[in-house]
């Protein structure tokens, strides 16, 4: 099953500002989501206390210091890439605000 991938405008901007080495890795990881929304280097995020619409799974992919935060809705056939952040210092404190963009 191939899912359609959407990128938040913020992700487009963040990707442009990455060094070339990281930009290619991030691009490859995002492109790979169409055929595998749960690649081996991804994991489900703890959404305890966060209001997530039914049928949506929130995940992240780790690419060294970078995190790609995304939502999967297989029932509707889409993946929404919500954020591209550097960790540390990023600690997922804005996860609810990112999820709210889906509504």
PDB file of N, CA and C in Angstrom:
ATOM      1  N   UNK A   1       0.836  -1.181   0.000  1.00  0.00           N
ATOM      2  CA  UNK A   1       0.000   0.000   0.000  1.00  0.00           C
ATOM      3  C   UNK A   1       0.879   1.242   0.000  1.00  0.00           C
ATOM      4  N   UNK A   2       0.663   2.119  -0.952  1.00  0.00           N
ATOM      5  CA  UNK A   2       1.390   3.378  -0.985  1.00  0.00           C
ATOM      6  C   UNK A   2       0.518   4.478  -0.420  1.00  0.00           C
ATOM      7  N   UNK A   3       1.052   5.180   0.549  1.00  0.00           N
ATOM      8  CA  UNK A   3       0.344   6.282   1.187  1.00  0.00           C
ATOM      9  C   UNK A   3       0.828   7.602   0.604  1.00  0.00           C
ATOM     10  N   UNK A   4      -0.061   8.583   0.566  1.00  0.00           N
ATOM     11  CA  UNK A   4       0.309   9.907   0.087  1.00  0.00           C
ATOM     12  C   UNK A   4       0.957  10.690   1.223  1.00  0.00           C
ATOM     13  N   UNK A   5       2.077  11.318   0.942  1.00  0.00           N
ATOM     14  CA  UNK A   5       2.815  12.066   1.967  1.00  0.00           C
ATOM     15  C   UNK A   5       2.635  13.560   1.737  1.00  0.00           C
ATOM     16  N   UNK A   6       2.251  14.255   2.817  1.00  0.00           N
ATOM     17  CA  UNK A   6       2.118  15.704   2.807  1.00  0.00           C
ATOM     18  C   UNK A   6       3.150  16.276   3.768  1.00  0.00           C
ATOM     19  N   UNK A   7       3.727  17.403   3.400  1.00  0.00           N
ATOM     20  CA  UNK A   7       4.687  18.071   4.270  1.00  0.00           C
ATOM     21  C   UNK A   7       4.127  19.415   4.714  1.00  0.00           C
ATOM     22  N   UNK A   8       4.201  19.663   6.003  1.00  0.00           N
ATOM     23  CA  UNK A   8       3.819  20.956   6.542  1.00  0.00           C
ATOM     24  C   UNK A   8       4.771  22.002   5.967  1.00  0.00           C
ATOM     25  N   UNK A   9       4.279  23.208   5.766  1.00  0.00           N
ATOM     26  CA  UNK A   9       5.111  24.286   5.201  1.00  0.00           C
ATOM     27  C   UNK A   9       6.371  24.509   6.026  1.00  0.00           C
ATOM     28  N   UNK A  10       6.255  24.369   7.336  1.00  0.00           N
ATOM     29  CA  UNK A  10       7.408  24.533   8.227  1.00  0.00           C
ATOM     30  C   UNK A  10       8.503  23.511   7.906  1.00  0.00           C
ATOM     31  N   UNK A  11       8.104  22.310   7.524  1.00  0.00           N
ATOM     32  CA  UNK A  11       9.070  21.260   7.190  1.00  0.00           C
ATOM     33  C   UNK A  11       9.817  21.616   5.912  1.00  0.00           C
ATOM     34  N   UNK A  12       9.112  22.168   4.926  1.00  0.00           N
ATOM     35  CA  UNK A  12       9.775  22.611   3.692  1.00  0.00           C
ATOM     36  C   UNK A  12      10.880  23.616   4.003  1.00  0.00           C
ATOM     37  N   UNK A  13      10.575  24.588   4.834  1.00  0.00           N
ATOM     38  CA  UNK A  13      11.554  25.618   5.190  1.00  0.00           C
ATOM     39  C   UNK A  13      12.725  25.027   5.975  1.00  0.00           C
ATOM     40  N   UNK A  14      12.422  24.177   6.948  1.00  0.00           N
ATOM     41  CA  UNK A  14      13.480  23.581   7.774  1.00  0.00           C
ATOM     42  C   UNK A  14      14.410  22.724   6.915  1.00  0.00           C
ATOM     43  N   UNK A  15      13.847  22.009   5.957  1.00  0.00           N
ATOM     44  CA  UNK A  15      14.657  21.158   5.084  1.00  0.00           C
ATOM     45  C   UNK A  15      15.628  21.979   4.243  1.00  0.00           C
ATOM     46  N   UNK A  16      15.183  23.120   3.765  1.00  0.00           N
ATOM     47  CA  UNK A  16      16.047  23.988   2.957  1.00  0.00           C
ATOM     48  C   UNK A  16      17.273  24.445   3.733  1.00  0.00           C
ATOM     49  N   UNK A  17      17.132  24.616   5.035  1.00  0.00           N
ATOM     50  CA  UNK A  17      18.214  25.147   5.856  1.00  0.00           C
ATOM     51  C   UNK A  17      19.162  24.077   6.400  1.00  0.00           C
ATOM     52  N   UNK A  18      18.904  22.819   6.096  1.00  0.00           N
ATOM     53  CA  UNK A  18      19.795  21.753   6.553  1.00  0.00           C
ATOM     54  C   UNK A  18      21.076  21.725   5.729  1.00  0.00           C
ATOM     55  N   UNK A  19      22.175  21.308   6.331  1.00  0.00           N
ATOM     56  CA  UNK A  19      23.369  21.049   5.525  1.00  0.00           C
ATOM     57  C   UNK A  19      23.057  19.943   4.513  1.00  0.00           C
ATOM     58  N   UNK A  20      23.729  19.979   3.379  1.00  0.00           N
ATOM     59  CA  UNK A  20      23.434  19.044   2.284  1.00  0.00           C
ATOM     60  C   UNK A  20      23.448  17.586   2.731  1.00  0.00           C
ATOM     61  N   UNK A  21      24.388  17.201   3.570  1.00  0.00           N
ATOM     62  CA  UNK A  21      24.485  15.815   4.027  1.00  0.00           C
ATOM     63  C   UNK A  21      23.206  15.370   4.725  1.00  0.00           C
ATOM     64  N   UNK A  22      22.681  16.209   5.615  1.00  0.00           N
ATOM     65  CA  UNK A  22      21.458  15.867   6.341  1.00  0.00           C
ATOM     66  C   UNK A  22      20.230  15.989   5.451  1.00  0.00           C
ATOM     67  N   UNK A  23      20.245  16.954   4.558  1.00  0.00           N
ATOM     68  CA  UNK A  23      19.091  17.174   3.678  1.00  0.00           C
ATOM     69  C   UNK A  23      18.769  15.927   2.865  1.00  0.00           C
ATOM     70  N   UNK A  24      19.790  15.269   2.331  1.00  0.00           N
ATOM     71  CA  UNK A  24      19.578  14.064   1.531  1.00  0.00           C
ATOM     72  C   UNK A  24      19.010  12.934   2.394  1.00  0.00           C
ATOM     73  N   UNK A  25      19.533  12.762   3.593  1.00  0.00           N
ATOM     74  CA  UNK A  25      19.032  11.713   4.482  1.00  0.00           C
ATOM     75  C   UNK A  25      17.589  11.945   4.886  1.00  0.00           C
ATOM     76  N   UNK A  26      17.244  13.190   5.152  1.00  0.00           N
ATOM     77  CA  UNK A  26      15.864  13.531   5.506  1.00  0.00           C
ATOM     78  C   UNK A  26      14.952  13.304   4.305  1.00  0.00           C
ATOM     79  N   UNK A  27      15.387  13.722   3.134  1.00  0.00           N
ATOM     80  CA  UNK A  27      14.583  13.511   1.924  1.00  0.00           C
ATOM     81  C   UNK A  27      14.338  12.023   1.690  1.00  0.00           C
ATOM     82  N   UNK A  28      15.375  11.216   1.823  1.00  0.00           N
ATOM     83  CA  UNK A  28      15.229   9.771   1.620  1.00  0.00           C
ATOM     84  C   UNK A  28      14.267   9.158   2.640  1.00  0.00           C
ATOM     85  N   UNK A  29      14.383   9.588   3.890  1.00  0.00           N
ATOM     86  CA  UNK A  29      13.504   9.055   4.934  1.00  0.00           C
ATOM     87  C   UNK A  29      12.048   9.409   4.654  1.00  0.00           C
ATOM     88  N   UNK A  30      11.794  10.644   4.256  1.00  0.00           N
ATOM     89  CA  UNK A  30      10.425  11.072   3.961  1.00  0.00           C
ATOM     90  C   UNK A  30       9.897  10.342   2.730  1.00  0.00           C
ATOM     91  N   UNK A  31      10.705  10.242   1.692  1.00  0.00           N
ATOM     92  CA  UNK A  31      10.277   9.528   0.482  1.00  0.00           C
ATOM     93  C   UNK A  31       9.938   8.071   0.778  1.00  0.00           C
ATOM     94  N   UNK A  32      10.684   7.452   1.689  1.00  0.00           N
ATOM     95  CA  UNK A  32      10.454   6.056   2.034  1.00  0.00           C
ATOM     96  C   UNK A  32       9.156   5.808   2.772  1.00  0.00           C
ATOM     97  N   UNK A  33       8.585   6.844   3.351  1.00  0.00           N
ATOM     98  CA  UNK A  33       7.334   6.685   4.096  1.00  0.00           C
ATOM     99  C   UNK A  33       6.172   6.257   3.210  1.00  0.00           C
ATOM    100  N   UNK A  34       6.218   6.580   1.929  1.00  0.00           N
ATOM    101  CA  UNK A  34       5.104   6.225   1.045  1.00  0.00           C
ATOM    102  C   UNK A  34       4.882   4.718   1.001  1.00  0.00           C
ATOM    103  N   UNK A  35       5.942   3.955   1.049  1.00  0.00           N
ATOM    104  CA  UNK A  35       5.807   2.500   0.987  1.00  0.00           C
ATOM    105  C   UNK A  35       5.931   1.823   2.345  1.00  0.00           C
ATOM    106  N   UNK A  36       6.560   2.476   3.317  1.00  0.00           N
ATOM    107  CA  UNK A  36       6.717   1.895   4.652  1.00  0.00           C
ATOM    108  C   UNK A  36       6.563   2.998   5.702  1.00  0.00           C
ATOM    109  N   UNK A  37       5.343   3.176   6.261  1.00  0.00           N
ATOM    110  CA  UNK A  37       5.144   4.244   7.222  1.00  0.00           C
ATOM    111  C   UNK A  37       5.777   3.983   8.590  1.00  0.00           C
ATOM    112  N   UNK A  38       6.290   2.779   8.778  1.00  0.00           N
ATOM    113  CA  UNK A  38       6.932   2.422  10.056  1.00  0.00           C
ATOM    114  C   UNK A  38       8.304   1.785   9.803  1.00  0.00           C
ATOM    115  N   UNK A  39       9.229   2.569   9.254  1.00  0.00           N
ATOM    116  CA  UNK A  39      10.556   1.998   8.981  1.00  0.00           C
ATOM    117  C   UNK A  39      11.255   1.620  10.291  1.00  0.00           C
ATOM    118  N   UNK A  40      12.279   0.767  10.204  1.00  0.00           N
ATOM    119  CA  UNK A  40      12.964   0.291  11.410  1.00  0.00           C
ATOM    120  C   UNK A  40      13.494   1.391  12.323  1.00  0.00           C
ATOM    121  N   UNK A  41      13.896   2.516  11.779  1.00  0.00           N
ATOM    122  CA  UNK A  41      14.455   3.571  12.647  1.00  0.00           C
ATOM    123  C   UNK A  41      13.386   4.542  13.167  1.00  0.00           C
ATOM    124  N   UNK A  42      12.110   4.172  13.012  1.00  0.00           N
ATOM    125  CA  UNK A  42      11.038   5.012  13.538  1.00  0.00           C
ATOM    126  C   UNK A  42      10.463   4.393  14.799  1.00  0.00           C
ATOM    127  N   UNK A  43       9.734   5.202  15.547  1.00  0.00           N
ATOM    128  CA  UNK A  43       9.040   4.675  16.723  1.00  0.00           C
ATOM    129  C   UNK A  43       7.798   5.523  16.985  1.00  0.00           C
ATOM    130  N   UNK A  44       6.830   4.890  17.637  1.00  0.00           N
ATOM    131  CA  UNK A  44       5.612   5.599  18.011  1.00  0.00           C
ATOM    132  C   UNK A  44       5.935   6.546  19.157  1.00  0.00           C
ATOM    133  N   UNK A  45       5.352   7.724  19.128  1.00  0.00           N
ATOM    134  CA  UNK A  45       5.559   8.690  20.203  1.00  0.00           C
ATOM    135  C   UNK A  45       4.547   8.458  21.311  1.00  0.00           C
ATOM    136  N   UNK A  46       4.946   8.762  22.525  1.00  0.00           N
ATOM    137  CA  UNK A  46       4.054   8.668  23.669  1.00  0.00           C
ATOM    138  C   UNK A  46       3.070   9.832  23.586  1.00  0.00           C
ATOM    139  N   UNK A  47       1.807   9.515  23.394  1.00  0.00           N
ATOM    140  CA  UNK A  47       0.790  10.556  23.249  1.00  0.00           C
ATOM    141  C   UNK A  47      -0.121  10.641  24.475  1.00  0.00           C
ATOM    142  N   UNK A  48       0.365  10.135  25.600  1.00  0.00           N
ATOM    143  CA  UNK A  48      -0.387  10.225  26.846  1.00  0.00           C
ATOM    144  C   UNK A  48      -0.696  11.684  27.159  1.00  0.00           C
ATOM    145  N   UNK A  49      -1.961  11.978  27.371  1.00  0.00           N
ATOM    146  CA  UNK A  49      -2.368  13.333  27.706  1.00  0.00           C
ATOM    147  C   UNK A  49      -2.518  14.256  26.507  1.00  0.00           C
ATOM    148  N   UNK A  50      -2.359  13.711  25.312  1.00  0.00           N
ATOM    149  CA  UNK A  50      -2.475  14.517  24.101  1.00  0.00           C
ATOM    150  C   UNK A  50      -3.726  14.074  23.351  1.00  0.00           C
ATOM    151  N   UNK A  51      -4.486  15.025  22.868  1.00  0.00           N
ATOM    152  CA  UNK A  51      -5.711  14.744  22.139  1.00  0.00           C
ATOM    153  C   UNK A  51      -5.375  14.462  20.672  1.00  0.00           C
ATOM    154  N   UNK A  52      -5.438  13.182  20.299  1.00  0.00           N
ATOM    155  CA  UNK A  52      -5.137  12.765  18.925  1.00  0.00           C
ATOM    156  C   UNK A  52      -6.424  12.238  18.300  1.00  0.00           C
ATOM    157  N   UNK A  53      -6.784  12.715  17.105  1.00  0.00           N
ATOM    158  CA  UNK A  53      -7.990  12.214  16.457  1.00  0.00           C
ATOM    159  C   UNK A  53      -7.930  10.695  16.250  1.00  0.00           C
ATOM    160  N   UNK A  54      -9.082  10.044  16.267  1.00  0.00           N
ATOM    161  CA  UNK A  54      -9.115   8.585  16.070  1.00  0.00           C
ATOM    162  C   UNK A  54      -8.511   8.181  14.727  1.00  0.00           C
ATOM    163  N   UNK A  55      -7.824   7.054  14.725  1.00  0.00           N
ATOM    164  CA  UNK A  55      -7.243   6.509  13.504  1.00  0.00           C
ATOM    165  C   UNK A  55      -5.898   7.086  13.127  1.00  0.00           C
ATOM    166  N   UNK A  56      -5.360   7.981  13.959  1.00  0.00           N
ATOM    167  CA  UNK A  56      -4.079   8.610  13.644  1.00  0.00           C
ATOM    168  C   UNK A  56      -3.012   8.117  14.609  1.00  0.00           C
ATOM    169  N   UNK A  57      -1.897   7.710  14.039  1.00  0.00           N
ATOM    170  CA  UNK A  57      -0.735   7.267  14.817  1.00  0.00           C
ATOM    171  C   UNK A  57       0.356   8.322  14.660  1.00  0.00           C
ATOM    172  N   UNK A  58       0.946   8.727  15.766  1.00  0.00           N
ATOM    173  CA  UNK A  58       1.992   9.755  15.738  1.00  0.00           C
ATOM    174  C   UNK A  58       3.338   9.065  15.951  1.00  0.00           C
ATOM    175  N   UNK A  59       4.267   9.318  15.040  1.00  0.00           N
ATOM    176  CA  UNK A  59       5.559   8.642  15.053  1.00  0.00           C
ATOM    177  C   UNK A  59       6.687   9.648  14.831  1.00  0.00           C
ATOM    178  N   UNK A  60       7.900   9.155  14.991  1.00  0.00           N
ATOM    179  CA  UNK A  60       9.073   9.958  14.667  1.00  0.00           C
ATOM    180  C   UNK A  60      10.136   9.050  14.069  1.00  0.00           C
ATOM    181  N   UNK A  61      10.948   9.645  13.227  1.00  0.00           N
ATOM    182  CA  UNK A  61      12.122   8.968  12.677  1.00  0.00           C
ATOM    183  C   UNK A  61      13.330   9.723  13.194  1.00  0.00           C
ATOM    184  N   UNK A  62      14.290   8.989  13.682  1.00  0.00           N
ATOM    185  CA  UNK A  62      15.525   9.595  14.170  1.00  0.00           C
ATOM    186  C   UNK A  62      16.595   9.477  13.094  1.00  0.00           C
ATOM    187  N   UNK A  63      17.164  10.606  12.730  1.00  0.00           N
ATOM    188  CA  UNK A  63      18.298  10.647  11.798  1.00  0.00           C
ATOM    189  C   UNK A  63      19.385  11.427  12.517  1.00  0.00           C
ATOM    190  N   UNK A  64      20.193  10.707  13.282  1.00  0.00           N
ATOM    191  CA  UNK A  64      21.210  11.290  14.148  1.00  0.00           C
ATOM    192  C   UNK A  64      20.594  12.396  14.999  1.00  0.00           C
ATOM    193  N   UNK A  65      21.012  13.680  14.867  1.00  0.00           N
ATOM    194  CA  UNK A  65      20.432  14.661  15.791  1.00  0.00           C
ATOM    195  C   UNK A  65      19.044  15.151  15.360  1.00  0.00           C
ATOM    196  N   UNK A  66      18.579  14.753  14.185  1.00  0.00           N
ATOM    197  CA  UNK A  66      17.320  15.265  13.654  1.00  0.00           C
ATOM    198  C   UNK A  66      16.174  14.308  13.934  1.00  0.00           C
ATOM    199  N   UNK A  67      14.976  14.889  14.119  1.00  0.00           N
ATOM    200  CA  UNK A  67      13.755  14.121  14.313  1.00  0.00           C
ATOM    201  C   UNK A  67      12.722  14.569  13.291  1.00  0.00           C
ATOM    202  N   UNK A  68      12.156  13.598  12.601  1.00  0.00           N
ATOM    203  CA  UNK A  68      11.041  13.849  11.702  1.00  0.00           C
ATOM    204  C   UNK A  68       9.800  13.377  12.448  1.00  0.00           C
ATOM    205  N   UNK A  69       8.916  14.293  12.766  1.00  0.00           N
ATOM    206  CA  UNK A  69       7.686  13.971  13.484  1.00  0.00           C
ATOM    207  C   UNK A  69       6.564  13.914  12.453  1.00  0.00           C
ATOM    208  N   UNK A  70       5.814  12.807  12.449  1.00  0.00           N
ATOM    209  CA  UNK A  70       4.776  12.650  11.442  1.00  0.00           C
ATOM    210  C   UNK A  70       3.576  11.874  11.977  1.00  0.00           C
ATOM    211  N   UNK A  71       2.461  12.024  11.291  1.00  0.00           N
ATOM    212  CA  UNK A  71       1.225  11.339  11.641  1.00  0.00           C
ATOM    213  C   UNK A  71       0.836  10.418  10.499  1.00  0.00           C
ATOM    214  N   UNK A  72       0.336   9.238  10.847  1.00  0.00           N
ATOM    215  CA  UNK A  72      -0.079   8.245   9.857  1.00  0.00           C
ATOM    216  C   UNK A  72      -1.575   7.996  10.020  1.00  0.00           C
ATOM    217  N   UNK A  73      -2.291   8.035   8.908  1.00  0.00           N
ATOM    218  CA  UNK A  73      -3.701   7.662   8.889  1.00  0.00           C
ATOM    219  C   UNK A  73      -3.885   6.696   7.727  1.00  0.00           C
ATOM    220  N   UNK A  74      -3.701   5.413   8.010  1.00  0.00           N
ATOM    221  CA  UNK A  74      -3.789   4.414   6.942  1.00  0.00           C
ATOM    222  C   UNK A  74      -5.205   4.284   6.399  1.00  0.00           C
ATOM    223  N   UNK A  75      -6.199   4.522   7.256  1.00  0.00           N
ATOM    224  CA  UNK A  75      -7.590   4.444   6.802  1.00  0.00           C
ATOM    225  C   UNK A  75      -7.894   5.442   5.704  1.00  0.00           C
ATOM    226  N   UNK A  76      -7.312   6.613   5.794  1.00  0.00           N
ATOM    227  CA  UNK A  76      -7.505   7.659   4.781  1.00  0.00           C
ATOM    228  C   UNK A  76      -6.379   7.678   3.757  1.00  0.00           C
ATOM    229  N   UNK A  77      -5.332   6.897   3.982  1.00  0.00           N
ATOM    230  CA  UNK A  77      -4.255   6.766   3.006  1.00  0.00           C
ATOM    231  C   UNK A  77      -3.255   7.906   2.967  1.00  0.00           C
ATOM    232  N   UNK A  78      -2.988   8.531   4.124  1.00  0.00           N
ATOM    233  CA  UNK A  78      -2.030   9.637   4.107  1.00  0.00           C
ATOM    234  C   UNK A  78      -1.071   9.599   5.287  1.00  0.00           C
ATOM    235  N   UNK A  79       0.038  10.312   5.068  1.00  0.00           N
ATOM    236  CA  UNK A  79       1.039  10.598   6.101  1.00  0.00           C
ATOM    237  C   UNK A  79       1.266  12.098   6.056  1.00  0.00           C
ATOM    238  N   UNK A  80       1.250  12.728   7.224  1.00  0.00           N
ATOM    239  CA  UNK A  80       1.475  14.173   7.288  1.00  0.00           C
ATOM    240  C   UNK A  80       2.758  14.397   8.086  1.00  0.00           C
ATOM    241  N   UNK A  81       3.788  14.928   7.436  1.00  0.00           N
ATOM    242  CA  UNK A  81       5.040  15.246   8.120  1.00  0.00           C
ATOM    243  C   UNK A  81       4.839  16.600   8.794  1.00  0.00           C
ATOM    244  N   UNK A  82       4.850  16.569  10.117  1.00  0.00           N
ATOM    245  CA  UNK A  82       4.491  17.737  10.918  1.00  0.00           C
ATOM    246  C   UNK A  82       5.667  18.632  11.287  1.00  0.00           C
ATOM    247  N   UNK A  83       6.835  18.021  11.507  1.00  0.00           N
ATOM    248  CA  UNK A  83       7.964  18.826  11.982  1.00  0.00           C
ATOM    249  C   UNK A  83       9.284  18.134  11.675  1.00  0.00           C
ATOM    250  N   UNK A  84      10.308  18.941  11.555  1.00  0.00           N
ATOM    251  CA  UNK A  84      11.688  18.490  11.442  1.00  0.00           C
ATOM    252  C   UNK A  84      12.453  19.298  12.477  1.00  0.00           C
ATOM    253  N   UNK A  85      12.929  18.603  13.504  1.00  0.00           N
ATOM    254  CA  UNK A  85      13.546  19.297  14.635  1.00  0.00           C
ATOM    255  C   UNK A  85      14.873  18.663  15.020  1.00  0.00           C
ATOM    256  N   UNK A  86      15.723  19.455  15.603  1.00  0.00           N
ATOM    257  CA  UNK A  86      17.015  18.973  16.109  1.00  0.00           C
ATOM    258  C   UNK A  86      16.880  18.635  17.587  1.00  0.00           C
ATOM    259  N   UNK A  87      17.402  17.483  17.939  1.00  0.00           N
ATOM    260  CA  UNK A  87      17.361  17.048  19.338  1.00  0.00           C
ATOM    261  C   UNK A  87      18.771  16.730  19.779  1.00  0.00           C
ATOM    262  N   UNK A  88      19.230  17.221  20.923  1.00  0.00           N
ATOM    263  CA  UNK A  88      18.595  18.245  21.720  1.00  0.00           C
ATOM    264  C   UNK A  88      18.689  19.592  21.016  1.00  0.00           C
ATOM    265  N   UNK A  89      17.923  20.527  21.387  1.00  0.00           N
ATOM    266  CA  UNK A  89      17.137  20.709  22.592  1.00  0.00           C
ATOM    267  C   UNK A  89      15.686  20.258  22.463  1.00  0.00           C
ATOM    268  N   UNK A  90      15.227  19.888  21.257  1.00  0.00           N
ATOM    269  CA  UNK A  90      13.812  19.583  21.074  1.00  0.00           C
ATOM    270  C   UNK A  90      13.382  18.427  21.969  1.00  0.00           C
ATOM    271  N   UNK A  91      12.250  18.619  22.678  1.00  0.00           N
ATOM    272  CA  UNK A  91      11.752  17.609  23.604  1.00  0.00           C
ATOM    273  C   UNK A  91      10.288  17.278  23.400  1.00  0.00           C
ATOM    274  N   UNK A  92       9.731  17.536  22.210  1.00  0.00           N
ATOM    275  CA  UNK A  92       8.348  17.212  21.868  1.00  0.00           C
ATOM    276  C   UNK A  92       7.331  18.014  22.677  1.00  0.00           C
ATOM    277  N   UNK A  93       7.745  19.148  23.225  1.00  0.00           N
ATOM    278  CA  UNK A  93       6.834  19.958  24.030  1.00  0.00           C
ATOM    279  C   UNK A  93       5.703  20.581  23.213  1.00  0.00           C
ATOM    280  N   UNK A  94       5.849  20.682  21.908  1.00  0.00           N
ATOM    281  CA  UNK A  94       4.815  21.267  21.059  1.00  0.00           C
ATOM    282  C   UNK A  94       3.999  20.206  20.322  1.00  0.00           C
ATOM    283  N   UNK A  95       4.036  18.976  20.801  1.00  0.00           N
ATOM    284  CA  UNK A  95       3.371  17.879  20.101  1.00  0.00           C
ATOM    285  C   UNK A  95       1.868  18.126  19.948  1.00  0.00           C
ATOM    286  N   UNK A  96       1.209  18.632  20.984  1.00  0.00           N
ATOM    287  CA  UNK A  96      -0.226  18.897  20.875  1.00  0.00           C
ATOM    288  C   UNK A  96      -0.503  19.943  19.798  1.00  0.00           C
ATOM    289  N   UNK A  97       0.300  20.983  19.739  1.00  0.00           N
ATOM    290  CA  UNK A  97       0.117  22.020  18.713  1.00  0.00           C
ATOM    291  C   UNK A  97       0.320  21.445  17.309  1.00  0.00           C
ATOM    292  N   UNK A  98       1.277  20.534  17.177  1.00  0.00           N
ATOM    293  CA  UNK A  98       1.493  19.887  15.873  1.00  0.00           C
ATOM    294  C   UNK A  98       0.292  19.045  15.490  1.00  0.00           C
ATOM    295  N   UNK A  99      -0.240  18.280  16.424  1.00  0.00           N
ATOM    296  CA  UNK A  99      -1.403  17.420  16.168  1.00  0.00           C
ATOM    297  C   UNK A  99      -2.627  18.266  15.829  1.00  0.00           C
ATOM    298  N   UNK A 100      -2.754  19.411  16.478  1.00  0.00           N
ATOM    299  CA  UNK A 100      -3.901  20.290  16.213  1.00  0.00           C
ATOM    300  C   UNK A 100      -3.944  20.767  14.766  1.00  0.00           C
ATOM    301  N   UNK A 101      -2.821  20.784  14.087  1.00  0.00           N
ATOM    302  CA  UNK A 101      -2.777  21.185  12.673  1.00  0.00           C
ATOM    303  C   UNK A 101      -3.527  20.205  11.773  1.00  0.00           C
ATOM    304  N   UNK A 102      -3.723  18.997  12.252  1.00  0.00           N
ATOM    305  CA  UNK A 102      -4.377  17.961  11.455  1.00  0.00           C
ATOM    306  C   UNK A 102      -5.888  18.157  11.354  1.00  0.00           C
ATOM    307  N   UNK A 103      -6.462  18.906  12.257  1.00  0.00           N
ATOM    308  CA  UNK A 103      -7.924  19.048  12.304  1.00  0.00           C
ATOM    309  C   UNK A 103      -8.448  20.103  11.385  1.00  0.00           C
TER     310      UNK A 103
END
